[in-house]
Amino acid sequence: MLTDLDRALLDFEARWPGHAGAKEEAVRTELDLAPARYYQMLGRLIDREDALAHDPLLVGGLRRARDRRRVERMRRVGA
């Protein structure tokens, strides 16, 4: 079951796609989290099925983006 913080993280990410300096300041201000902690928590959260049920488009997109980055890292390491 999603907590209020889990829902807040997903809702925040839906409003602030991508990575930018303004987003990191908003993470600090709105969520009272360090950006590194926010991304760590979000990364774990998107692996959960209840998060996928809460916002399938957002979570599915975040999973795909993470998987693409992982493949790119593997290619660079293997090259």
N, C-alpha and C. Protein backbone atom coordinates (compact mmCIF):
# COMPACT_ATOMS: atom_id res chain seq x y z
N MET A 1 0.84 -1.18 0.00
CA MET A 1 0.00 0.00 0.00
C MET A 1 0.89 1.25 0.00
N LEU A 2 0.55 2.20 -0.83
CA LEU A 2 1.32 3.44 -0.92
C LEU A 2 1.08 4.32 0.29
N THR A 3 2.15 4.90 0.79
CA THR A 3 2.03 5.88 1.87
C THR A 3 1.76 7.25 1.27
N ASP A 4 1.46 8.20 2.13
CA ASP A 4 1.27 9.57 1.66
C ASP A 4 2.55 10.09 0.99
N LEU A 5 3.71 9.74 1.57
CA LEU A 5 4.97 10.17 0.98
C LEU A 5 5.19 9.52 -0.39
N ASP A 6 4.85 8.26 -0.52
CA ASP A 6 4.97 7.58 -1.82
C ASP A 6 4.14 8.30 -2.88
N ARG A 7 2.90 8.60 -2.54
CA ARG A 7 2.03 9.31 -3.49
C ARG A 7 2.58 10.71 -3.79
N ALA A 8 3.10 11.37 -2.77
CA ALA A 8 3.67 12.71 -2.98
C ALA A 8 4.86 12.65 -3.93
N LEU A 9 5.70 11.63 -3.80
CA LEU A 9 6.85 11.48 -4.70
C LEU A 9 6.39 11.28 -6.13
N LEU A 10 5.42 10.39 -6.32
CA LEU A 10 4.92 10.13 -7.68
C LEU A 10 4.23 11.36 -8.26
N ASP A 11 3.43 12.02 -7.47
CA ASP A 11 2.73 13.21 -7.95
C ASP A 11 3.72 14.32 -8.28
N PHE A 12 4.74 14.48 -7.46
CA PHE A 12 5.77 15.48 -7.72
C PHE A 12 6.48 15.17 -9.03
N GLU A 13 6.87 13.91 -9.23
CA GLU A 13 7.59 13.52 -10.45
C GLU A 13 6.72 13.74 -11.68
N ALA A 14 5.43 13.51 -11.56
CA ALA A 14 4.52 13.75 -12.68
C ALA A 14 4.48 15.22 -13.06
N ARG A 15 4.61 16.10 -12.06
CA ARG A 15 4.60 17.55 -12.32
C ARG A 15 5.94 18.07 -12.78
N TRP A 16 7.04 17.39 -12.43
CA TRP A 16 8.39 17.87 -12.72
C TRP A 16 9.18 16.82 -13.50
N PRO A 17 8.82 16.53 -14.74
CA PRO A 17 9.59 15.53 -15.49
C PRO A 17 10.99 16.05 -15.81
N GLY A 18 11.91 15.13 -15.99
CA GLY A 18 13.27 15.50 -16.36
C GLY A 18 14.08 15.95 -15.16
N HIS A 19 15.30 16.36 -15.44
CA HIS A 19 16.23 16.78 -14.39
C HIS A 19 16.67 18.21 -14.67
N ALA A 20 16.46 19.06 -13.69
CA ALA A 20 16.87 20.45 -13.86
C ALA A 20 17.15 21.05 -12.48
N GLY A 21 17.91 22.12 -12.46
CA GLY A 21 18.23 22.78 -11.21
C GLY A 21 16.99 23.24 -10.46
N ALA A 22 16.01 23.76 -11.19
CA ALA A 22 14.78 24.22 -10.54
C ALA A 22 14.05 23.05 -9.89
N LYS A 23 14.11 21.88 -10.52
CA LYS A 23 13.45 20.71 -9.95
C LYS A 23 14.12 20.32 -8.63
N GLU A 24 15.43 20.35 -8.60
CA GLU A 24 16.13 19.96 -7.37
C GLU A 24 15.81 20.92 -6.23
N GLU A 25 15.68 22.19 -6.53
CA GLU A 25 15.29 23.16 -5.51
C GLU A 25 13.85 22.88 -5.05
N ALA A 26 12.98 22.51 -5.98
CA ALA A 26 11.60 22.18 -5.62
C ALA A 26 11.54 20.93 -4.75
N VAL A 27 12.42 19.96 -5.01
CA VAL A 27 12.48 18.76 -4.16
C VAL A 27 12.79 19.18 -2.72
N ARG A 28 13.76 20.04 -2.57
CA ARG A 28 14.13 20.51 -1.22
C ARG A 28 12.98 21.26 -0.56
N THR A 29 12.35 22.15 -1.33
CA THR A 29 11.32 23.01 -0.78
C THR A 29 10.00 22.28 -0.53
N GLU A 30 9.52 21.57 -1.54
CA GLU A 30 8.21 20.94 -1.45
C GLU A 30 8.21 19.64 -0.66
N LEU A 31 9.26 18.85 -0.80
CA LEU A 31 9.28 17.53 -0.16
C LEU A 31 10.20 17.46 1.05
N ASP A 32 11.00 18.51 1.25
CA ASP A 32 11.96 18.55 2.35
C ASP A 32 12.91 17.36 2.31
N LEU A 33 13.38 17.07 1.09
CA LEU A 33 14.33 15.97 0.88
C LEU A 33 15.53 16.49 0.10
N ALA A 34 16.67 15.88 0.34
CA ALA A 34 17.83 16.14 -0.51
C ALA A 34 17.54 15.48 -1.87
N PRO A 35 17.96 16.10 -2.96
CA PRO A 35 17.70 15.50 -4.27
C PRO A 35 18.19 14.06 -4.40
N ALA A 36 19.37 13.76 -3.87
CA ALA A 36 19.88 12.39 -3.96
C ALA A 36 18.94 11.41 -3.26
N ARG A 37 18.42 11.80 -2.11
CA ARG A 37 17.48 10.94 -1.38
C ARG A 37 16.19 10.78 -2.16
N TYR A 38 15.70 11.86 -2.75
CA TYR A 38 14.48 11.81 -3.56
C TYR A 38 14.63 10.79 -4.68
N TYR A 39 15.73 10.87 -5.43
CA TYR A 39 15.91 9.95 -6.55
C TYR A 39 16.11 8.51 -6.08
N GLN A 40 16.74 8.34 -4.93
CA GLN A 40 16.89 7.00 -4.36
C GLN A 40 15.52 6.42 -4.01
N MET A 41 14.72 7.19 -3.34
CA MET A 41 13.38 6.73 -2.95
C MET A 41 12.50 6.47 -4.17
N LEU A 42 12.57 7.38 -5.15
CA LEU A 42 11.78 7.22 -6.36
C LEU A 42 12.20 5.96 -7.11
N GLY A 43 13.49 5.70 -7.18
CA GLY A 43 13.99 4.51 -7.87
C GLY A 43 13.46 3.23 -7.26
N ARG A 44 13.39 3.19 -5.96
CA ARG A 44 12.84 2.00 -5.28
C ARG A 44 11.33 1.92 -5.47
N LEU A 45 10.69 3.07 -5.41
CA LEU A 45 9.24 3.13 -5.50
C LEU A 45 8.73 2.62 -6.85
N ILE A 46 9.41 2.96 -7.93
CA ILE A 46 8.89 2.57 -9.25
C ILE A 46 8.98 1.07 -9.51
N ASP A 47 9.67 0.34 -8.65
CA ASP A 47 9.71 -1.12 -8.78
C ASP A 47 8.49 -1.79 -8.15
N ARG A 48 7.71 -1.03 -7.45
CA ARG A 48 6.56 -1.60 -6.73
C ARG A 48 5.30 -1.61 -7.60
N GLU A 49 4.56 -2.69 -7.49
CA GLU A 49 3.34 -2.84 -8.29
C GLU A 49 2.26 -1.85 -7.86
N ASP A 50 2.21 -1.48 -6.58
CA ASP A 50 1.20 -0.52 -6.15
C ASP A 50 1.48 0.87 -6.73
N ALA A 51 2.75 1.18 -6.96
CA ALA A 51 3.09 2.44 -7.62
C ALA A 51 2.65 2.40 -9.08
N LEU A 52 2.86 1.27 -9.73
CA LEU A 52 2.43 1.11 -11.12
C LEU A 52 0.91 1.25 -11.22
N ALA A 53 0.19 0.68 -10.27
CA ALA A 53 -1.27 0.79 -10.27
C ALA A 53 -1.72 2.23 -10.03
N HIS A 54 -0.97 2.97 -9.23
CA HIS A 54 -1.32 4.36 -8.91
C HIS A 54 -1.20 5.26 -10.15
N ASP A 55 -0.14 5.11 -10.91
CA ASP A 55 0.08 5.94 -12.10
C ASP A 55 0.85 5.12 -13.14
N PRO A 56 0.13 4.30 -13.90
CA PRO A 56 0.80 3.40 -14.84
C PRO A 56 1.64 4.11 -15.90
N LEU A 57 1.17 5.23 -16.41
CA LEU A 57 1.94 5.92 -17.46
C LEU A 57 3.24 6.48 -16.91
N LEU A 58 3.18 7.12 -15.77
CA LEU A 58 4.38 7.69 -15.16
C LEU A 58 5.37 6.60 -14.78
N VAL A 59 4.92 5.62 -14.02
CA VAL A 59 5.82 4.57 -13.54
C VAL A 59 6.37 3.74 -14.69
N GLY A 60 5.53 3.42 -15.66
CA GLY A 60 6.01 2.69 -16.83
C GLY A 60 7.07 3.47 -17.59
N GLY A 61 6.84 4.76 -17.75
CA GLY A 61 7.83 5.60 -18.43
C GLY A 61 9.13 5.71 -17.66
N LEU A 62 9.04 5.84 -16.34
CA LEU A 62 10.25 5.90 -15.51
C LEU A 62 11.02 4.59 -15.56
N ARG A 63 10.30 3.49 -15.56
CA ARG A 63 10.96 2.18 -15.66
C ARG A 63 11.68 2.04 -17.00
N ARG A 64 11.01 2.44 -18.08
CA ARG A 64 11.64 2.35 -19.41
C ARG A 64 12.87 3.24 -19.50
N ALA A 65 12.78 4.45 -18.98
CA ALA A 65 13.93 5.37 -19.00
C ALA A 65 15.10 4.78 -18.20
N ARG A 66 14.80 4.22 -17.05
CA ARG A 66 15.85 3.60 -16.24
C ARG A 66 16.49 2.43 -16.99
N ASP A 67 15.66 1.62 -17.63
CA ASP A 67 16.19 0.47 -18.37
C ASP A 67 17.06 0.92 -19.54
N ARG A 68 16.65 2.00 -20.22
CA ARG A 68 17.48 2.52 -21.32
C ARG A 68 18.83 3.00 -20.81
N ARG A 69 18.82 3.71 -19.69
CA ARG A 69 20.09 4.18 -19.10
C ARG A 69 20.97 3.00 -18.71
N ARG A 70 20.36 1.97 -18.18
CA ARG A 70 21.11 0.78 -17.76
C ARG A 70 21.76 0.11 -18.98
N VAL A 71 21.03 -0.01 -20.08
CA VAL A 71 21.57 -0.60 -21.30
C VAL A 71 22.71 0.24 -21.84
N GLU A 72 22.55 1.55 -21.83
CA GLU A 72 23.61 2.44 -22.31
C GLU A 72 24.87 2.31 -21.46
N ARG A 73 24.71 2.22 -20.14
CA ARG A 73 25.88 2.02 -19.27
C ARG A 73 26.58 0.71 -19.59
N MET A 74 25.80 -0.33 -19.82
CA MET A 74 26.39 -1.64 -20.14
C MET A 74 27.16 -1.57 -21.46
N ARG A 75 26.61 -0.86 -22.42
CA ARG A 75 27.29 -0.72 -23.71
C ARG A 75 28.63 0.02 -23.55
N ARG A 76 28.61 1.07 -22.75
CA ARG A 76 29.85 1.84 -22.54
C ARG A 76 30.90 1.02 -21.80
N VAL A 77 30.47 0.25 -20.84
CA VAL A 77 31.40 -0.58 -20.07
C VAL A 77 31.96 -1.69 -20.96
N GLY A 78 31.11 -2.26 -21.81
CA GLY A 78 31.53 -3.35 -22.69
C GLY A 78 32.33 -2.88 -23.89
N ALA A 79 32.29 -1.60 -24.18
CA ALA A 79 32.99 -1.08 -25.37
C ALA A 79 34.46 -0.89 -25.13
